PDB file of N, CA and C in Angstrom:
ATOM      1  N   UNK A   1       7.558 -16.752 -11.875  1.00  0.00           N
ATOM      2  CA  UNK A   1       6.362 -17.528 -10.790  1.00  0.00           C
ATOM      3  C   UNK A   1       5.473 -17.056  -9.912  1.00  0.00           C
ATOM      4  N   UNK A   2       4.346 -17.614 -10.051  1.00  0.00           N
ATOM      5  CA  UNK A   2       3.364 -15.797  -9.058  1.00  0.00           C
ATOM      6  C   UNK A   2       3.984 -16.259  -7.473  1.00  0.00           C
ATOM      7  N   UNK A   3       3.503 -14.885  -6.525  1.00  0.00           N
ATOM      8  CA  UNK A   3       3.845 -14.909  -5.515  1.00  0.00           C
ATOM      9  C   UNK A   3       2.413 -15.568  -4.822  1.00  0.00           C
ATOM     10  N   UNK A   4       2.952 -15.850  -3.599  1.00  0.00           N
ATOM     11  CA  UNK A   4       1.060 -16.404  -2.762  1.00  0.00           C
ATOM     12  C   UNK A   4       1.095 -15.792  -1.543  1.00  0.00           C
ATOM     13  N   UNK A   5      -0.075 -15.682  -0.783  1.00  0.00           N
ATOM     14  CA  UNK A   5      -0.354 -14.351   0.051  1.00  0.00           C
ATOM     15  C   UNK A   5       0.554 -14.722   1.062  1.00  0.00           C
ATOM     16  N   UNK A   6       1.238 -15.818   1.751  1.00  0.00           N
ATOM     17  CA  UNK A   6       2.397 -16.040   2.696  1.00  0.00           C
ATOM     18  C   UNK A   6       3.316 -15.128   2.142  1.00  0.00           C
ATOM     19  N   UNK A   7       3.301 -14.927   1.115  1.00  0.00           N
ATOM     20  CA  UNK A   7       4.632 -14.265   0.890  1.00  0.00           C
ATOM     21  C   UNK A   7       4.386 -12.746   0.951  1.00  0.00           C
ATOM     22  N   UNK A   8       3.628 -11.936   1.354  1.00  0.00           N
ATOM     23  CA  UNK A   8       3.246 -11.091   2.344  1.00  0.00           C
ATOM     24  C   UNK A   8       3.031 -10.546   3.630  1.00  0.00           C
ATOM     25  N   UNK A   9       2.749 -11.660   4.234  1.00  0.00           N
ATOM     26  CA  UNK A   9       2.271 -11.672   5.621  1.00  0.00           C
ATOM     27  C   UNK A   9       3.767 -11.182   6.258  1.00  0.00           C
ATOM     28  N   UNK A  10       3.537 -10.531   7.507  1.00  0.00           N
ATOM     29  CA  UNK A  10       1.703  -9.512   7.937  1.00  0.00           C
ATOM     30  C   UNK A  10       1.764  -8.474   6.839  1.00  0.00           C
ATOM     31  N   UNK A  11       0.650  -8.144   6.813  1.00  0.00           N
ATOM     32  CA  UNK A  11       0.504  -6.850   5.784  1.00  0.00           C
ATOM     33  C   UNK A  11      -0.206  -5.997   7.052  1.00  0.00           C
ATOM     34  N   UNK A  12       0.189  -4.294   7.036  1.00  0.00           N
ATOM     35  CA  UNK A  12      -0.397  -3.231   7.352  1.00  0.00           C
ATOM     36  C   UNK A  12      -1.445  -2.470   6.850  1.00  0.00           C
ATOM     37  N   UNK A  13      -2.798  -2.321   7.671  1.00  0.00           N
ATOM     38  CA  UNK A  13      -3.310  -1.225   6.467  1.00  0.00           C
ATOM     39  C   UNK A  13      -3.846  -0.181   7.240  1.00  0.00           C
ATOM     40  N   UNK A  14      -3.136   0.631   6.945  1.00  0.00           N
ATOM     41  CA  UNK A  14      -3.996   1.833   7.141  1.00  0.00           C
ATOM     42  C   UNK A  14      -4.229   2.739   6.795  1.00  0.00           C
ATOM     43  N   UNK A  15      -4.385   4.210   7.311  1.00  0.00           N
ATOM     44  CA  UNK A  15      -5.387   4.852   6.605  1.00  0.00           C
ATOM     45  C   UNK A  15      -4.536   5.968   6.173  1.00  0.00           C
ATOM     46  N   UNK A  16      -4.192   6.863   5.145  1.00  0.00           N
ATOM     47  CA  UNK A  16      -3.739   7.758   4.855  1.00  0.00           C
ATOM     48  C   UNK A  16      -3.300   9.319   5.488  1.00  0.00           C
ATOM     49  N   UNK A  17      -2.308   9.057   5.909  1.00  0.00           N
ATOM     50  CA  UNK A  17      -1.697  10.111   7.273  1.00  0.00           C
ATOM     51  C   UNK A  17      -2.294  11.469   6.286  1.00  0.00           C
ATOM     52  N   UNK A  18      -2.255  11.230   4.738  1.00  0.00           N
ATOM     53  CA  UNK A  18      -2.985  13.315   4.236  1.00  0.00           C
ATOM     54  C   UNK A  18      -3.837  12.723   3.954  1.00  0.00           C
ATOM     55  N   UNK A  19      -4.578  11.671   4.167  1.00  0.00           N
ATOM     56  CA  UNK A  19      -6.166  11.356   3.279  1.00  0.00           C
ATOM     57  C   UNK A  19      -5.644  11.530   1.558  1.00  0.00           C
ATOM     58  N   UNK A  20      -4.936  10.978   1.459  1.00  0.00           N
ATOM     59  CA  UNK A  20      -4.435  10.537  -0.207  1.00  0.00           C
ATOM     60  C   UNK A  20      -3.528  11.728  -0.906  1.00  0.00           C
ATOM     61  N   UNK A  21      -4.133  12.935  -0.442  1.00  0.00           N
ATOM     62  CA  UNK A  21      -2.915  14.403  -0.998  1.00  0.00           C
ATOM     63  C   UNK A  21      -1.794  13.745  -1.859  1.00  0.00           C
ATOM     64  N   UNK A  22      -0.945  12.857  -0.794  1.00  0.00           N
ATOM     65  CA  UNK A  22       0.585  12.758  -0.787  1.00  0.00           C
ATOM     66  C   UNK A  22       0.364  11.025  -2.061  1.00  0.00           C
ATOM     67  N   UNK A  23      -0.093  10.790  -1.174  1.00  0.00           N
ATOM     68  CA  UNK A  23      -0.708   9.093  -1.454  1.00  0.00           C
ATOM     69  C   UNK A  23      -1.319   8.488  -2.341  1.00  0.00           C
ATOM     70  N   UNK A  24      -2.217   9.788  -2.960  1.00  0.00           N
ATOM     71  CA  UNK A  24      -2.772   8.318  -4.067  1.00  0.00           C
ATOM     72  C   UNK A  24      -3.808   8.258  -4.140  1.00  0.00           C
ATOM     73  N   UNK A  25      -4.611   7.961  -2.596  1.00  0.00           N
ATOM     74  CA  UNK A  25      -5.660   6.833  -1.867  1.00  0.00           C
ATOM     75  C   UNK A  25      -5.879   6.901  -0.981  1.00  0.00           C
ATOM     76  N   UNK A  26      -7.180   7.131  -0.206  1.00  0.00           N
ATOM     77  CA  UNK A  26      -7.328   7.383   1.334  1.00  0.00           C
ATOM     78  C   UNK A  26      -6.819   6.458   2.300  1.00  0.00           C
ATOM     79  N   UNK A  27      -6.404   4.573   2.040  1.00  0.00           N
ATOM     80  CA  UNK A  27      -5.492   4.221   2.183  1.00  0.00           C
ATOM     81  C   UNK A  27      -4.916   3.008   1.818  1.00  0.00           C
ATOM     82  N   UNK A  28      -3.962   2.607   2.376  1.00  0.00           N
ATOM     83  CA  UNK A  28      -2.397   2.485   1.777  1.00  0.00           C
ATOM     84  C   UNK A  28      -2.530   0.926   2.758  1.00  0.00           C
ATOM     85  N   UNK A  29      -1.809  -0.019   2.145  1.00  0.00           N
ATOM     86  CA  UNK A  29      -1.474  -1.825   2.689  1.00  0.00           C
ATOM     87  C   UNK A  29       0.089  -1.672   1.863  1.00  0.00           C
ATOM     88  N   UNK A  30       0.537  -2.590   2.811  1.00  0.00           N
ATOM     89  CA  UNK A  30       1.664  -2.692   2.727  1.00  0.00           C
ATOM     90  C   UNK A  30       2.658  -3.822   3.655  1.00  0.00           C
ATOM     91  N   UNK A  31       3.156  -4.632   2.546  1.00  0.00           N
ATOM     92  CA  UNK A  31       3.640  -5.655   4.109  1.00  0.00           C
ATOM     93  C   UNK A  31       4.740  -5.378   4.933  1.00  0.00           C
ATOM     94  N   UNK A  32       4.628  -5.729   6.289  1.00  0.00           N
ATOM     95  CA  UNK A  32       5.660  -5.857   7.017  1.00  0.00           C
ATOM     96  C   UNK A  32       6.797  -5.886   7.600  1.00  0.00           C
ATOM     97  N   UNK A  33       7.724  -5.643   6.501  1.00  0.00           N
ATOM     98  CA  UNK A  33       9.269  -5.726   6.831  1.00  0.00           C
ATOM     99  C   UNK A  33      10.024  -5.419   7.065  1.00  0.00           C
ATOM    100  N   UNK A  34      11.329  -5.166   6.881  1.00  0.00           N
ATOM    101  CA  UNK A  34      12.433  -3.954   7.460  1.00  0.00           C
ATOM    102  C   UNK A  34      12.154  -2.915   6.200  1.00  0.00           C
ATOM    103  N   UNK A  35      12.236  -3.817   4.524  1.00  0.00           N
ATOM    104  CA  UNK A  35      12.559  -2.516   3.786  1.00  0.00           C
ATOM    105  C   UNK A  35      11.038  -1.385   4.080  1.00  0.00           C
ATOM    106  N   UNK A  36       9.934  -1.649   4.528  1.00  0.00           N
ATOM    107  CA  UNK A  36       8.983  -0.668   4.295  1.00  0.00           C
ATOM    108  C   UNK A  36       8.572  -0.521   5.934  1.00  0.00           C
ATOM    109  N   UNK A  37       8.540  -1.107   7.259  1.00  0.00           N
ATOM    110  CA  UNK A  37       8.431  -0.740   8.414  1.00  0.00           C
ATOM    111  C   UNK A  37       9.635   0.710   8.740  1.00  0.00           C
ATOM    112  N   UNK A  38      11.005   0.588   8.330  1.00  0.00           N
ATOM    113  CA  UNK A  38      11.555   2.140   8.117  1.00  0.00           C
ATOM    114  C   UNK A  38      10.931   3.316   7.373  1.00  0.00           C
ATOM    115  N   UNK A  39      10.708   3.414   6.198  1.00  0.00           N
ATOM    116  CA  UNK A  39       9.784   3.836   5.799  1.00  0.00           C
ATOM    117  C   UNK A  39       8.768   4.564   5.471  1.00  0.00           C
ATOM    118  N   UNK A  40       7.860   3.198   6.457  1.00  0.00           N
ATOM    119  CA  UNK A  40       6.888   3.908   6.538  1.00  0.00           C
ATOM    120  C   UNK A  40       6.497   4.281   8.247  1.00  0.00           C
ATOM    121  N   UNK A  41       7.225   4.595   9.447  1.00  0.00           N
ATOM    122  CA  UNK A  41       7.547   5.078  10.362  1.00  0.00           C
ATOM    123  C   UNK A  41       8.430   6.330  10.015  1.00  0.00           C
ATOM    124  N   UNK A  42       8.888   7.288   8.563  1.00  0.00           N
ATOM    125  CA  UNK A  42       9.676   8.188   8.868  1.00  0.00           C
ATOM    126  C   UNK A  42       8.246   9.072   7.695  1.00  0.00           C
ATOM    127  N   UNK A  43       7.633   8.105   6.935  1.00  0.00           N
ATOM    128  CA  UNK A  43       5.695   8.763   6.936  1.00  0.00           C
ATOM    129  C   UNK A  43       5.230   9.086   7.974  1.00  0.00           C
ATOM    130  N   UNK A  44       4.698   7.837   8.652  1.00  0.00           N
ATOM    131  CA  UNK A  44       3.525   8.134   9.968  1.00  0.00           C
ATOM    132  C   UNK A  44       4.265   9.206  10.603  1.00  0.00           C
ATOM    133  N   UNK A  45       5.752   8.995  11.039  1.00  0.00           N
ATOM    134  CA  UNK A  45       6.125  10.017  11.876  1.00  0.00           C
ATOM    135  C   UNK A  45       6.695  11.652  11.963  1.00  0.00           C
ATOM    136  N   UNK A  46       7.448  11.683  10.353  1.00  0.00           N
ATOM    137  CA  UNK A  46       7.797  12.442  10.008  1.00  0.00           C
ATOM    138  C   UNK A  46       6.905  13.909   9.697  1.00  0.00           C
ATOM    139  N   UNK A  47       8.183  14.434   8.528  1.00  0.00           N
ATOM    140  CA  UNK A  47       7.323  15.845   8.673  1.00  0.00           C
ATOM    141  C   UNK A  47       7.365  15.697   6.991  1.00  0.00           C
ATOM    142  N   UNK A  48       6.239  16.587   6.436  1.00  0.00           N
ATOM    143  CA  UNK A  48       5.148  16.177   4.956  1.00  0.00           C
ATOM    144  C   UNK A  48       6.298  16.552   3.776  1.00  0.00           C
ATOM    145  N   UNK A  49       7.706  16.367   4.282  1.00  0.00           N
ATOM    146  CA  UNK A  49       8.196  15.824   2.753  1.00  0.00           C
ATOM    147  C   UNK A  49       8.772  14.680   2.985  1.00  0.00           C
ATOM    148  N   UNK A  50       8.922  14.418   3.944  1.00  0.00           N
ATOM    149  CA  UNK A  50       8.986  12.858   4.065  1.00  0.00           C
ATOM    150  C   UNK A  50       7.878  11.826   3.366  1.00  0.00           C
ATOM    151  N   UNK A  51       6.868  12.655   3.811  1.00  0.00           N
ATOM    152  CA  UNK A  51       5.377  12.049   2.774  1.00  0.00           C
ATOM    153  C   UNK A  51       5.932  12.288   1.880  1.00  0.00           C
ATOM    154  N   UNK A  52       6.079  13.371   0.870  1.00  0.00           N
ATOM    155  CA  UNK A  52       6.618  14.063  -0.403  1.00  0.00           C
ATOM    156  C   UNK A  52       7.308  12.723  -1.474  1.00  0.00           C
ATOM    157  N   UNK A  53       8.469  12.459  -0.978  1.00  0.00           N
ATOM    158  CA  UNK A  53       9.337  11.720  -0.998  1.00  0.00           C
ATOM    159  C   UNK A  53       9.395  10.445  -0.892  1.00  0.00           C
ATOM    160  N   UNK A  54       8.479  10.144   0.392  1.00  0.00           N
ATOM    161  CA  UNK A  54       7.738   7.984   0.107  1.00  0.00           C
ATOM    162  C   UNK A  54       7.098   8.152  -0.827  1.00  0.00           C
ATOM    163  N   UNK A  55       6.004   8.789  -1.394  1.00  0.00           N
ATOM    164  CA  UNK A  55       5.215   8.493  -2.434  1.00  0.00           C
ATOM    165  C   UNK A  55       5.240   8.823  -3.724  1.00  0.00           C
ATOM    166  N   UNK A  56       6.578   8.538  -3.669  1.00  0.00           N
ATOM    167  CA  UNK A  56       6.485   9.067  -5.657  1.00  0.00           C
ATOM    168  C   UNK A  56       6.463   7.682  -6.599  1.00  0.00           C
ATOM    169  N   UNK A  57       6.168   8.121  -7.771  1.00  0.00           N
ATOM    170  CA  UNK A  57       5.337   7.215  -8.749  1.00  0.00           C
ATOM    171  C   UNK A  57       5.795   6.027  -8.354  1.00  0.00           C
ATOM    172  N   UNK A  58       7.085   6.192  -8.528  1.00  0.00           N
ATOM    173  CA  UNK A  58       8.027   4.389  -8.045  1.00  0.00           C
ATOM    174  C   UNK A  58       7.855   3.489  -6.967  1.00  0.00           C
ATOM    175  N   UNK A  59       7.200   4.298  -6.182  1.00  0.00           N
ATOM    176  CA  UNK A  59       6.853   3.986  -4.572  1.00  0.00           C
ATOM    177  C   UNK A  59       5.673   3.060  -4.966  1.00  0.00           C
ATOM    178  N   UNK A  60       4.596   3.754  -5.783  1.00  0.00           N
ATOM    179  CA  UNK A  60       2.933   3.698  -5.761  1.00  0.00           C
ATOM    180  C   UNK A  60       2.861   2.472  -6.784  1.00  0.00           C
ATOM    181  N   UNK A  61       4.194   1.960  -6.754  1.00  0.00           N
ATOM    182  CA  UNK A  61       3.827   0.201  -7.221  1.00  0.00           C
ATOM    183  C   UNK A  61       4.448  -0.775  -6.438  1.00  0.00           C
ATOM    184  N   UNK A  62       4.924  -0.611  -5.547  1.00  0.00           N
ATOM    185  CA  UNK A  62       4.778  -0.876  -4.403  1.00  0.00           C
ATOM    186  C   UNK A  62       3.600  -1.749  -2.985  1.00  0.00           C
ATOM    187  N   UNK A  63       2.999  -0.439  -3.004  1.00  0.00           N
ATOM    188  CA  UNK A  63       2.433  -0.107  -1.735  1.00  0.00           C
ATOM    189  C   UNK A  63       1.061  -0.501  -2.560  1.00  0.00           C
ATOM    190  N   UNK A  64      -0.459  -0.877  -1.660  1.00  0.00           N
ATOM    191  CA  UNK A  64      -1.852  -0.933  -1.982  1.00  0.00           C
ATOM    192  C   UNK A  64      -2.568   0.420  -1.817  1.00  0.00           C
ATOM    193  N   UNK A  65      -2.596   0.802  -2.595  1.00  0.00           N
ATOM    194  CA  UNK A  65      -3.484   1.720  -2.674  1.00  0.00           C
ATOM    195  C   UNK A  65      -5.268   1.370  -2.931  1.00  0.00           C
ATOM    196  N   UNK A  66      -6.545   2.480  -1.931  1.00  0.00           N
ATOM    197  CA  UNK A  66      -7.654   1.823  -2.142  1.00  0.00           C
ATOM    198  C   UNK A  66      -8.457   2.587  -1.496  1.00  0.00           C
ATOM    199  N   UNK A  67      -9.665   3.381  -2.346  1.00  0.00           N
ATOM    200  CA  UNK A  67     -11.175   4.072  -1.248  1.00  0.00           C
ATOM    201  C   UNK A  67     -11.048   3.097  -0.158  1.00  0.00           C
ATOM    202  N   UNK A  68     -10.705   1.686   0.262  1.00  0.00           N
ATOM    203  CA  UNK A  68     -11.177   1.469   1.963  1.00  0.00           C
ATOM    204  C   UNK A  68     -10.058   0.361   2.032  1.00  0.00           C
ATOM    205  N   UNK A  69      -9.940  -0.010   3.033  1.00  0.00           N
ATOM    206  CA  UNK A  69      -8.626  -1.228   3.413  1.00  0.00           C
ATOM    207  C   UNK A  69      -8.895  -2.024   2.770  1.00  0.00           C
ATOM    208  N   UNK A  70     -10.005  -2.560   2.657  1.00  0.00           N
ATOM    209  CA  UNK A  70     -10.654  -4.317   1.715  1.00  0.00           C
ATOM    210  C   UNK A  70      -9.541  -4.132  -0.585  1.00  0.00           C
ATOM    211  N   UNK A  71      -9.941  -2.388  -0.382  1.00  0.00           N
ATOM    212  CA  UNK A  71      -9.879  -2.413  -1.987  1.00  0.00           C
ATOM    213  C   UNK A  71      -7.768  -1.825  -1.550  1.00  0.00           C
ATOM    214  N   UNK A  72      -7.304  -1.700  -0.614  1.00  0.00           N
ATOM    215  CA  UNK A  72      -6.200  -0.880  -0.451  1.00  0.00           C
ATOM    216  C   UNK A  72      -5.250  -2.845  -0.435  1.00  0.00           C
ATOM    217  N   UNK A  73      -5.639  -3.462  -0.103  1.00  0.00           N
ATOM    218  CA  UNK A  73      -5.135  -5.098   0.495  1.00  0.00           C
ATOM    219  C   UNK A  73      -5.334  -5.519  -1.279  1.00  0.00           C
ATOM    220  N   UNK A  74      -6.582  -5.227  -1.589  1.00  0.00           N
ATOM    221  CA  UNK A  74      -6.831  -6.230  -3.226  1.00  0.00           C
ATOM    222  C   UNK A  74      -5.763  -5.400  -4.423  1.00  0.00           C
ATOM    223  N   UNK A  75      -5.151  -4.287  -3.842  1.00  0.00           N
ATOM    224  CA  UNK A  75      -4.344  -3.458  -4.906  1.00  0.00           C
ATOM    225  C   UNK A  75      -2.778  -4.459  -4.356  1.00  0.00           C
ATOM    226  N   UNK A  76      -2.478  -4.469  -3.357  1.00  0.00           N
ATOM    227  CA  UNK A  76      -1.496  -4.837  -2.727  1.00  0.00           C
ATOM    228  C   UNK A  76      -0.758  -6.122  -3.198  1.00  0.00           C
ATOM    229  N   UNK A  77      -2.566  -6.649  -3.074  1.00  0.00           N
ATOM    230  CA  UNK A  77      -1.778  -7.657  -3.872  1.00  0.00           C
ATOM    231  C   UNK A  77      -1.691  -8.395  -5.516  1.00  0.00           C
ATOM    232  N   UNK A  78      -2.549  -7.573  -6.255  1.00  0.00           N
ATOM    233  CA  UNK A  78      -2.638  -6.712  -7.596  1.00  0.00           C
ATOM    234  C   UNK A  78      -1.116  -6.954  -7.972  1.00  0.00           C
ATOM    235  N   UNK A  79      -0.630  -6.067  -7.288  1.00  0.00           N
ATOM    236  CA  UNK A  79       0.844  -5.364  -7.702  1.00  0.00           C
ATOM    237  C   UNK A  79       1.964  -6.307  -7.762  1.00  0.00           C
ATOM    238  N   UNK A  80       1.639  -7.620  -6.471  1.00  0.00           N
ATOM    239  CA  UNK A  80       2.472  -8.193  -6.120  1.00  0.00           C
ATOM    240  C   UNK A  80       2.443 -10.036  -7.107  1.00  0.00           C
ATOM    241  N   UNK A  81       1.234  -9.942  -8.189  1.00  0.00           N
ATOM    242  CA  UNK A  81       1.110 -10.958  -8.807  1.00  0.00           C
ATOM    243  C   UNK A  81       0.394 -11.656  -8.383  1.00  0.00           C
ATOM    244  N   UNK A  82      -0.727 -11.356  -7.661  1.00  0.00           N
ATOM    245  CA  UNK A  82      -1.268 -12.584  -6.831  1.00  0.00           C
ATOM    246  C   UNK A  82      -2.773 -12.282  -6.447  1.00  0.00           C
ATOM    247  N   UNK A  83      -2.989 -12.616  -7.442  1.00  0.00           N
ATOM    248  CA  UNK A  83      -4.837 -12.412  -8.048  1.00  0.00           C
ATOM    249  C   UNK A  83      -5.959 -13.972  -6.388  1.00  0.00           C
ATOM    250  N   UNK A  84      -6.442 -13.010  -6.492  1.00  0.00           N
ATOM    251  CA  UNK A  84      -7.436 -13.074  -5.404  1.00  0.00           C
ATOM    252  C   UNK A  84      -8.647 -12.350  -6.297  1.00  0.00           C
ATOM    253  N   UNK A  85     -10.004 -13.689  -5.070  1.00  0.00           N
ATOM    254  CA  UNK A  85     -11.875 -13.081  -5.624  1.00  0.00           C
ATOM    255  C   UNK A  85     -11.260 -11.351  -5.634  1.00  0.00           C
ATOM    256  N   UNK A  86     -11.329 -11.036  -4.919  1.00  0.00           N
ATOM    257  CA  UNK A  86     -11.484  -9.220  -4.306  1.00  0.00           C
ATOM    258  C   UNK A  86     -11.561  -8.558  -6.315  1.00  0.00           C
ATOM    259  N   UNK A  87     -10.373  -9.129  -6.089  1.00  0.00           N
ATOM    260  CA  UNK A  87     -10.135  -7.832  -7.403  1.00  0.00           C
ATOM    261  C   UNK A  87     -10.894  -7.604  -8.477  1.00  0.00           C
ATOM    262  N   UNK A  88     -11.773  -9.147  -8.472  1.00  0.00           N
ATOM    263  CA  UNK A  88     -12.705  -8.524 -10.094  1.00  0.00           C
ATOM    264  C   UNK A  88     -13.551  -7.717  -9.799  1.00  0.00           C
ATOM    265  N   UNK A  89     -14.204  -7.686  -8.626  1.00  0.00           N
ATOM    266  CA  UNK A  89     -14.959  -6.382  -7.689  1.00  0.00           C
ATOM    267  C   UNK A  89     -14.481  -4.966  -7.594  1.00  0.00           C
ATOM    268  N   UNK A  90     -13.289  -4.950  -7.398  1.00  0.00           N
ATOM    269  CA  UNK A  90     -12.480  -3.658  -7.107  1.00  0.00           C
ATOM    270  C   UNK A  90     -11.616  -3.197  -7.403  1.00  0.00           C
ATOM    271  N   UNK A  91     -10.791  -3.825  -8.865  1.00  0.00           N
ATOM    272  CA  UNK A  91     -10.161  -3.286  -9.019  1.00  0.00           C
ATOM    273  C   UNK A  91     -10.199  -2.756 -10.635  1.00  0.00           C
ATOM    274  N   UNK A  92      -9.907  -2.416 -11.294  1.00  0.00           N
ATOM    275  CA  UNK A  92      -9.298  -0.790 -11.114  1.00  0.00           C
ATOM    276  C   UNK A  92     -10.100  -0.040 -10.261  1.00  0.00           C
ATOM    277  N   UNK A  93      -9.362   1.615  -9.262  1.00  0.00           N
ATOM    278  CA  UNK A  93      -9.465   2.198  -8.977  1.00  0.00           C
ATOM    279  C   UNK A  93     -10.968   3.129  -9.743  1.00  0.00           C
TER     280      UNK A  93
END
């Protein structure tokens, strides 16, 4: 079953705290829900170890990563099986 955009909302898009060093891209996008809110609070307000732990390969499969806010959002949609027109222009990195 394909997810719909409404399944992701609200979405948070922020510039990566470490400029992509740990995250893998300059911008990150994630749904604002309990699962992500606690983890992202640790990432944004914790130390370097929290950031390294959060952005493991497994976690990168669940957040949108991109060179711009739009690209991070498109990547989040792609990883959740949501087809949007932006993907044709911006994915893959």
